[in-house]
Structure formats: structure tokens, C-alpha cells
Amino acid sequence: MSSSNDEPETPGQTHGGTGQVPGARSTDDAILDAAADLMVHLGVRRTQLAEIARRAGVSRPTVYRRWPDVRAVIGALLTREILATLEAAVPTGRDREAFVERTVEIAVRLRDHPVIGALLRSDDSDLLLEYVVERLGASQRGLLEALRTGIEQGQAHGSIRAGEPLELAAMVLLTAQSTVQSHRMVASLLPEAAWRRELARALNGYLAP
């Protein structure tokens, strides 16, 4: 995605929620880190392409060569953060309990992720609907693939019921995603331990033979 006309890569501090370490970054990551900082500290509506470019230390044409507008930048940022969160949650086994444990852990990490939180708190309802409700993008497809693989392993182990793995994965994704989206609404009713416990119970009940 880089071009010989792009500004040189520069070192800098990344956004704390991205899971990246200080040091040299690619131009793409510098742009996405800048977008993350703006979303978290100023909100989604105030995240503008010119300010993203300024904070990243690149020109606006450099951003445009990669993404056509702010919405595309945000989409790429969400994909990067969600897939990084998925990779960080390492499976601990191949049975249903290990699968559910990992799924709940991913849900918690996404629930508490500053960039995801900024989107969920956004007053830009169109953007929220596009990336959380209506759009099956690269990040959700990545999640679905990981869930499908885990379900197939659990089925081979005998601890997950029979069924089309992708269909089961889609329902697990819907369950976990809706729980993440609505957690603030029921926070007073479901403290942290109960939130984790009841999500695990729901998933175990759905997947048990």
C-alpha cells in the first residue's frame, strides 16, 4: 500500500489501546494510530481526515492514497484492532469449555477496548449501524472464521453439538456481540463476575450436545 512518493516512516508513540509497542511504525499504522487517538479523545464525529494526517505526520494525499475518506480509515482501524484482539486471546484447549472461555475473553477485551468503546458511544448512528449492525466486514469475518475453527475442534472432541459450524459460529457471534453492545445498559444488574458467568452459561447451553 505504500508509494515511493510517501513521506518516510517515522517513529512515535502508538495509541495505548492498540497493543503496539513504541518504535518505528509503518505509515499505515501511524495513520491508524492517529485516528484511534482522535476517536478516543475527541469522539468519532470530530475525527477528521485533515487532523488524522496532521497527527500522523503525513500529508492528506498520503492518507487518500490508502483510504478514500474518514469512514474507510475507521473501518481499517476497527479491523486492525479487532483482529489484534482475536490473535492475543490464545486458545487453551480444543474442547467446549476452552472455546467458551476464549470467546468470553475476546468479548471482554472488545467490550473494554477504547476504540470500540468510542464507536459504541458515538452519536453518529449511521456509522454505528454500518460497522456494528449492518456490515459484515473483514473483522467480523475474521471472528467468524476463528469461531468456526473452534467449533469444529469442539465437535471433533465431542463436547460441542452437531451442526453446521459456520451457522453455530454466526449465532455465537451474534450472542457475544449483542452482549458487548448492551453491557452498559445492564451494568448495574450484571457486575463483572456475573456478566462473564452468564455469557459463558448462555454459550455453553447453546453449544452443549
C-alpha atoms as a PDB file:
ATOM      1  CA  MET A   1       0.000   0.000   0.000  1.00  0.00           C
ATOM      2  CA  SER A   2       2.982   2.284   0.266  1.00  0.00           C
ATOM      3  CA  SER A   3       4.273   4.533  -2.504  1.00  0.00           C
ATOM      4  CA  SER A   4       7.700   5.881  -3.331  1.00  0.00           C
ATOM      5  CA  ASN A   5       6.234   9.373  -3.005  1.00  0.00           C
ATOM      6  CA  ASP A   6       5.072   8.824   0.569  1.00  0.00           C
ATOM      7  CA  GLU A   7       6.666  10.559   3.500  1.00  0.00           C
ATOM      8  CA  PRO A   8       9.332   8.437   5.228  1.00  0.00           C
ATOM      9  CA  GLU A   9       8.257   6.269   8.114  1.00  0.00           C
ATOM     10  CA  THR A  10       8.728   7.975  11.453  1.00  0.00           C
ATOM     11  CA  PRO A  11       8.989   6.625  14.998  1.00  0.00           C
ATOM     12  CA  GLY A  12       6.455   7.640  17.591  1.00  0.00           C
ATOM     13  CA  GLN A  13       4.181   6.565  20.408  1.00  0.00           C
ATOM     14  CA  THR A  14       1.219   4.456  19.458  1.00  0.00           C
ATOM     15  CA  HIS A  15      -2.240   4.672  20.968  1.00  0.00           C
ATOM     16  CA  GLY A  16      -2.419   2.825  24.274  1.00  0.00           C
ATOM     17  CA  GLY A  17      -5.380   0.664  23.242  1.00  0.00           C
ATOM     18  CA  THR A  18      -3.807  -0.770  20.097  1.00  0.00           C
ATOM     19  CA  GLY A  19      -1.488  -3.185  21.823  1.00  0.00           C
ATOM     20  CA  GLN A  20       1.517  -1.959  19.811  1.00  0.00           C
ATOM     21  CA  VAL A  21       4.870  -1.009  21.260  1.00  0.00           C
ATOM     22  CA  PRO A  22       6.746   2.284  20.846  1.00  0.00           C
ATOM     23  CA  GLY A  23       9.184   2.377  17.982  1.00  0.00           C
ATOM     24  CA  ALA A  24       9.236   2.564  14.216  1.00  0.00           C
ATOM     25  CA  ARG A  25       5.831   2.287  12.604  1.00  0.00           C
ATOM     26  CA  SER A  26       4.629   1.903   9.061  1.00  0.00           C
ATOM     27  CA  THR A  27       2.865   4.870   7.524  1.00  0.00           C
ATOM     28  CA  ASP A  28      -0.392   2.895   7.621  1.00  0.00           C
ATOM     29  CA  ASP A  29      -0.052   2.263  11.350  1.00  0.00           C
ATOM     30  CA  ALA A  30       0.872   5.895  12.016  1.00  0.00           C
ATOM     31  CA  ILE A  31      -2.342   6.979  10.282  1.00  0.00           C
ATOM     32  CA  LEU A  32      -4.488   4.416  12.100  1.00  0.00           C
ATOM     33  CA  ASP A  33      -2.894   5.271  15.450  1.00  0.00           C
ATOM     34  CA  ALA A  34      -3.690   8.937  14.859  1.00  0.00           C
ATOM     35  CA  ALA A  35      -7.298   8.057  14.035  1.00  0.00           C
ATOM     36  CA  ALA A  36      -7.501   5.964  17.218  1.00  0.00           C
ATOM     37  CA  ASP A  37      -6.275   8.870  19.360  1.00  0.00           C
ATOM     38  CA  LEU A  38      -8.818  11.220  17.814  1.00  0.00           C
ATOM     39  CA  MET A  39     -11.711   8.779  18.224  1.00  0.00           C
ATOM     40  CA  VAL A  40     -10.880   8.115  21.859  1.00  0.00           C
ATOM     41  CA  HIS A  41     -10.121  11.680  22.939  1.00  0.00           C
ATOM     42  CA  LEU A  42     -12.364  13.781  20.677  1.00  0.00           C
ATOM     43  CA  GLY A  43     -15.086  11.402  19.572  1.00  0.00           C
ATOM     44  CA  VAL A  44     -15.992   9.862  16.235  1.00  0.00           C
ATOM     45  CA  ARG A  45     -17.720  12.928  14.766  1.00  0.00           C
ATOM     46  CA  ARG A  46     -14.691  15.126  15.392  1.00  0.00           C
ATOM     47  CA  THR A  47     -12.298  12.660  13.797  1.00  0.00           C
ATOM     48  CA  GLN A  48     -11.463  14.422  10.535  1.00  0.00           C
ATOM     49  CA  LEU A  49      -9.076  13.377   7.807  1.00  0.00           C
ATOM     50  CA  ALA A  50      -7.007  16.569   7.911  1.00  0.00           C
ATOM     51  CA  GLU A  51      -6.399  16.159  11.638  1.00  0.00           C
ATOM     52  CA  ILE A  52      -5.599  12.464  11.202  1.00  0.00           C
ATOM     53  CA  ALA A  53      -2.951  13.382   8.642  1.00  0.00           C
ATOM     54  CA  ARG A  54      -1.515  16.141  10.847  1.00  0.00           C
ATOM     55  CA  ARG A  55      -1.239  13.899  13.898  1.00  0.00           C
ATOM     56  CA  ALA A  56       0.272  11.092  11.834  1.00  0.00           C
ATOM     57  CA  GLY A  57       2.872  13.454  10.387  1.00  0.00           C
ATOM     58  CA  VAL A  58       1.856  12.816   6.789  1.00  0.00           C
ATOM     59  CA  SER A  59       0.095  14.762   4.041  1.00  0.00           C
ATOM     60  CA  ARG A  60      -3.573  14.360   3.210  1.00  0.00           C
ATOM     61  CA  PRO A  61      -2.721  12.852  -0.213  1.00  0.00           C
ATOM     62  CA  THR A  62      -0.771  10.162   1.631  1.00  0.00           C
ATOM     63  CA  VAL A  63      -3.944   9.238   3.515  1.00  0.00           C
ATOM     64  CA  TYR A  64      -6.084   9.420   0.373  1.00  0.00           C
ATOM     65  CA  ARG A  65      -3.762   7.013  -1.440  1.00  0.00           C
ATOM     66  CA  ARG A  66      -4.675   4.425   1.183  1.00  0.00           C
ATOM     67  CA  TRP A  67      -8.290   5.199   2.106  1.00  0.00           C
ATOM     68  CA  PRO A  68     -10.843   7.367   0.282  1.00  0.00           C
ATOM     69  CA  ASP A  69     -12.384   9.002   3.366  1.00  0.00           C
ATOM     70  CA  VAL A  70     -12.594   9.022   7.157  1.00  0.00           C
ATOM     71  CA  ARG A  71     -15.136   6.205   7.256  1.00  0.00           C
ATOM     72  CA  ALA A  72     -12.732   3.942   5.397  1.00  0.00           C
ATOM     73  CA  VAL A  73      -9.929   4.861   7.819  1.00  0.00           C
ATOM     74  CA  ILE A  74     -12.178   3.994  10.758  1.00  0.00           C
ATOM     75  CA  GLY A  75     -13.135   0.706   9.096  1.00  0.00           C
ATOM     76  CA  ALA A  76      -9.469  -0.212   8.653  1.00  0.00           C
ATOM     77  CA  LEU A  77      -8.750   0.781  12.248  1.00  0.00           C
ATOM     78  CA  LEU A  78     -11.557  -1.370  13.594  1.00  0.00           C
ATOM     79  CA  THR A  79     -10.375  -4.319  11.521  1.00  0.00           C
ATOM     80  CA  ARG A  80      -6.824  -3.943  12.831  1.00  0.00           C
ATOM     81  CA  GLU A  81      -7.892  -3.661  16.466  1.00  0.00           C
ATOM     82  CA  ILE A  82     -10.442  -6.472  16.417  1.00  0.00           C
ATOM     83  CA  LEU A  83      -8.122  -8.916  14.649  1.00  0.00           C
ATOM     84  CA  ALA A  84      -5.260  -7.999  17.006  1.00  0.00           C
ATOM     85  CA  THR A  85      -7.568  -8.661  19.963  1.00  0.00           C
ATOM     86  CA  LEU A  86      -8.525 -12.011  18.456  1.00  0.00           C
ATOM     87  CA  GLU A  87      -4.879 -13.023  17.981  1.00  0.00           C
ATOM     88  CA  ALA A  88      -3.988 -12.001  21.545  1.00  0.00           C
ATOM     89  CA  ALA A  89      -6.542 -14.399  23.049  1.00  0.00           C
ATOM     90  CA  VAL A  90      -4.665 -17.686  22.669  1.00  0.00           C
ATOM     91  CA  PRO A  91      -6.748 -20.897  22.793  1.00  0.00           C
ATOM     92  CA  THR A  92      -6.087 -23.030  25.879  1.00  0.00           C
ATOM     93  CA  GLY A  93      -7.650 -26.246  24.575  1.00  0.00           C
ATOM     94  CA  ARG A  94      -9.875 -27.832  21.944  1.00  0.00           C
ATOM     95  CA  ASP A  95     -12.979 -28.644  23.979  1.00  0.00           C
ATOM     96  CA  ARG A  96     -16.158 -26.635  24.525  1.00  0.00           C
ATOM     97  CA  GLU A  97     -15.070 -25.151  27.847  1.00  0.00           C
ATOM     98  CA  ALA A  98     -11.842 -23.829  26.338  1.00  0.00           C
ATOM     99  CA  PHE A  99     -13.767 -22.438  23.347  1.00  0.00           C
ATOM    100  CA  VAL A 100     -16.292 -20.664  25.557  1.00  0.00           C
ATOM    101  CA  GLU A 101     -13.559 -19.338  27.840  1.00  0.00           C
ATOM    102  CA  ARG A 102     -11.720 -17.821  24.884  1.00  0.00           C
ATOM    103  CA  THR A 103     -14.924 -16.388  23.400  1.00  0.00           C
ATOM    104  CA  VAL A 104     -15.811 -14.676  26.683  1.00  0.00           C
ATOM    105  CA  GLU A 105     -12.256 -13.336  26.995  1.00  0.00           C
ATOM    106  CA  ILE A 106     -12.408 -11.854  23.491  1.00  0.00           C
ATOM    107  CA  ALA A 107     -15.794 -10.319  24.293  1.00  0.00           C
ATOM    108  CA  VAL A 108     -14.382  -8.715  27.459  1.00  0.00           C
ATOM    109  CA  ARG A 109     -11.360  -7.332  25.621  1.00  0.00           C
ATOM    110  CA  LEU A 110     -13.508  -5.859  22.876  1.00  0.00           C
ATOM    111  CA  ARG A 111     -16.016  -4.515  25.392  1.00  0.00           C
ATOM    112  CA  ASP A 112     -13.223  -2.666  27.202  1.00  0.00           C
ATOM    113  CA  HIS A 113     -11.279  -1.597  24.099  1.00  0.00           C
ATOM    114  CA  PRO A 114     -11.049   2.228  23.941  1.00  0.00           C
ATOM    115  CA  VAL A 115     -11.582   2.410  20.169  1.00  0.00           C
ATOM    116  CA  ILE A 116     -14.576   0.054  20.195  1.00  0.00           C
ATOM    117  CA  GLY A 117     -15.963   1.980  23.165  1.00  0.00           C
ATOM    118  CA  ALA A 118     -15.620   5.259  21.268  1.00  0.00           C
ATOM    119  CA  LEU A 119     -17.659   3.829  18.422  1.00  0.00           C
ATOM    120  CA  LEU A 120     -20.345   2.415  20.717  1.00  0.00           C
ATOM    121  CA  ARG A 121     -20.629   5.790  22.474  1.00  0.00           C
ATOM    122  CA  SER A 122     -20.738   7.678  19.199  1.00  0.00           C
ATOM    123  CA  ASP A 123     -23.708   9.853  18.333  1.00  0.00           C
ATOM    124  CA  ASP A 124     -23.095   9.037  14.663  1.00  0.00           C
ATOM    125  CA  SER A 125     -25.864   6.463  14.376  1.00  0.00           C
ATOM    126  CA  ASP A 126     -25.185   5.785  10.682  1.00  0.00           C
ATOM    127  CA  LEU A 127     -21.580   4.864  11.366  1.00  0.00           C
ATOM    128  CA  LEU A 128     -22.561   2.747  14.355  1.00  0.00           C
ATOM    129  CA  LEU A 129     -25.135   0.844  12.315  1.00  0.00           C
ATOM    130  CA  GLU A 130     -22.726   0.325   9.432  1.00  0.00           C
ATOM    131  CA  TYR A 131     -19.891  -1.138  11.455  1.00  0.00           C
ATOM    132  CA  VAL A 132     -21.734  -2.840  14.308  1.00  0.00           C
ATOM    133  CA  VAL A 133     -25.135  -3.897  12.994  1.00  0.00           C
ATOM    134  CA  GLU A 134     -25.385  -3.944   9.206  1.00  0.00           C
ATOM    135  CA  ARG A 135     -21.881  -4.524   7.914  1.00  0.00           C
ATOM    136  CA  LEU A 136     -20.197  -7.941   7.799  1.00  0.00           C
ATOM    137  CA  GLY A 137     -16.688  -6.656   7.249  1.00  0.00           C
ATOM    138  CA  ALA A 138     -13.200  -8.111   7.391  1.00  0.00           C
ATOM    139  CA  SER A 139     -13.041  -8.005  11.185  1.00  0.00           C
ATOM    140  CA  GLN A 140     -16.312  -9.868  11.686  1.00  0.00           C
ATOM    141  CA  ARG A 141     -15.365 -12.390   9.025  1.00  0.00           C
ATOM    142  CA  GLY A 142     -12.124 -12.958  10.894  1.00  0.00           C
ATOM    143  CA  LEU A 143     -14.048 -13.523  14.098  1.00  0.00           C
ATOM    144  CA  LEU A 144     -16.435 -15.891  12.330  1.00  0.00           C
ATOM    145  CA  GLU A 145     -13.558 -17.925  10.924  1.00  0.00           C
ATOM    146  CA  ALA A 146     -11.932 -18.244  14.355  1.00  0.00           C
ATOM    147  CA  LEU A 147     -15.250 -19.255  15.903  1.00  0.00           C
ATOM    148  CA  ARG A 148     -15.890 -21.787  13.136  1.00  0.00           C
ATOM    149  CA  THR A 149     -12.478 -23.362  13.680  1.00  0.00           C
ATOM    150  CA  GLY A 150     -13.035 -23.572  17.436  1.00  0.00           C
ATOM    151  CA  ILE A 151     -16.464 -25.129  16.947  1.00  0.00           C
ATOM    152  CA  GLU A 152     -15.090 -27.724  14.547  1.00  0.00           C
ATOM    153  CA  GLN A 153     -12.433 -28.632  17.101  1.00  0.00           C
ATOM    154  CA  GLY A 154     -15.058 -28.917  19.826  1.00  0.00           C
ATOM    155  CA  GLN A 155     -17.224 -31.095  17.594  1.00  0.00           C
ATOM    156  CA  ALA A 156     -14.270 -33.379  16.893  1.00  0.00           C
ATOM    157  CA  HIS A 157     -13.662 -33.533  20.650  1.00  0.00           C
ATOM    158  CA  GLY A 158     -17.320 -34.455  21.195  1.00  0.00           C
ATOM    159  CA  SER A 159     -18.096 -31.570  23.564  1.00  0.00           C
ATOM    160  CA  ILE A 160     -19.890 -29.325  21.029  1.00  0.00           C
ATOM    161  CA  ARG A 161     -23.127 -30.494  19.476  1.00  0.00           C
ATOM    162  CA  ALA A 162     -23.526 -31.411  15.842  1.00  0.00           C
ATOM    163  CA  GLY A 163     -24.491 -28.734  13.365  1.00  0.00           C
ATOM    164  CA  GLU A 164     -23.115 -26.645  10.540  1.00  0.00           C
ATOM    165  CA  PRO A 165     -20.049 -24.992  12.158  1.00  0.00           C
ATOM    166  CA  LEU A 166     -20.458 -21.671  10.356  1.00  0.00           C
ATOM    167  CA  GLU A 167     -24.119 -21.432  11.395  1.00  0.00           C
ATOM    168  CA  LEU A 168     -23.220 -22.120  15.005  1.00  0.00           C
ATOM    169  CA  ALA A 169     -20.360 -19.609  14.754  1.00  0.00           C
ATOM    170  CA  ALA A 170     -22.723 -16.931  13.424  1.00  0.00           C
ATOM    171  CA  MET A 171     -25.094 -17.397  16.360  1.00  0.00           C
ATOM    172  CA  VAL A 172     -22.215 -17.324  18.860  1.00  0.00           C
ATOM    173  CA  LEU A 173     -21.008 -14.089  17.242  1.00  0.00           C
ATOM    174  CA  LEU A 174     -24.482 -12.548  17.455  1.00  0.00           C
ATOM    175  CA  THR A 175     -24.825 -13.538  21.107  1.00  0.00           C
ATOM    176  CA  ALA A 176     -21.427 -12.195  22.138  1.00  0.00           C
ATOM    177  CA  GLN A 177     -21.722  -9.059  20.022  1.00  0.00           C
ATOM    178  CA  SER A 178     -25.126  -8.108  21.415  1.00  0.00           C
ATOM    179  CA  THR A 179     -23.833  -8.712  24.946  1.00  0.00           C
ATOM    180  CA  VAL A 180     -20.901  -6.384  24.309  1.00  0.00           C
ATOM    181  CA  GLN A 181     -23.083  -3.706  22.717  1.00  0.00           C
ATOM    182  CA  SER A 182     -25.578  -3.637  25.578  1.00  0.00           C
ATOM    183  CA  HIS A 183     -23.321  -4.179  28.582  1.00  0.00           C
ATOM    184  CA  ARG A 184     -23.558  -0.575  29.826  1.00  0.00           C
ATOM    185  CA  MET A 185     -27.343  -0.753  29.881  1.00  0.00           C
ATOM    186  CA  VAL A 186     -27.316  -3.638  32.357  1.00  0.00           C
ATOM    187  CA  ALA A 187     -24.072  -2.892  34.207  1.00  0.00           C
ATOM    188  CA  SER A 188     -25.915  -2.238  37.476  1.00  0.00           C
ATOM    189  CA  LEU A 189     -27.691  -5.591  37.183  1.00  0.00           C
ATOM    190  CA  LEU A 190     -24.747  -7.638  35.961  1.00  0.00           C
ATOM    191  CA  PRO A 191     -21.478  -6.835  37.716  1.00  0.00           C
ATOM    192  CA  GLU A 192     -18.305  -8.077  36.076  1.00  0.00           C
ATOM    193  CA  ALA A 193     -18.221 -11.590  37.523  1.00  0.00           C
ATOM    194  CA  ALA A 194     -21.906 -12.146  36.751  1.00  0.00           C
ATOM    195  CA  TRP A 195     -21.524 -10.743  33.230  1.00  0.00           C
ATOM    196  CA  ARG A 196     -18.766 -13.217  32.435  1.00  0.00           C
ATOM    197  CA  ARG A 197     -20.528 -16.107  34.158  1.00  0.00           C
ATOM    198  CA  GLU A 198     -23.881 -15.617  32.452  1.00  0.00           C
ATOM    199  CA  LEU A 199     -22.376 -15.119  28.987  1.00  0.00           C
ATOM    200  CA  ALA A 200     -20.396 -18.347  29.454  1.00  0.00           C
ATOM    201  CA  ARG A 201     -23.522 -20.141  30.640  1.00  0.00           C
ATOM    202  CA  ALA A 202     -25.507 -18.954  27.622  1.00  0.00           C
ATOM    203  CA  LEU A 203     -22.798 -20.105  25.210  1.00  0.00           C
ATOM    204  CA  ASN A 204     -22.278 -23.440  26.964  1.00  0.00           C
ATOM    205  CA  GLY A 205     -26.007 -24.102  26.945  1.00  0.00           C
ATOM    206  CA  TYR A 206     -26.255 -23.317  23.239  1.00  0.00           C
ATOM    207  CA  LEU A 207     -23.266 -25.453  22.248  1.00  0.00           C
ATOM    208  CA  ALA A 208     -23.623 -28.454  24.563  1.00  0.00           C
ATOM    209  CA  PRO A 209     -24.535 -31.809  22.910  1.00  0.00           C
END
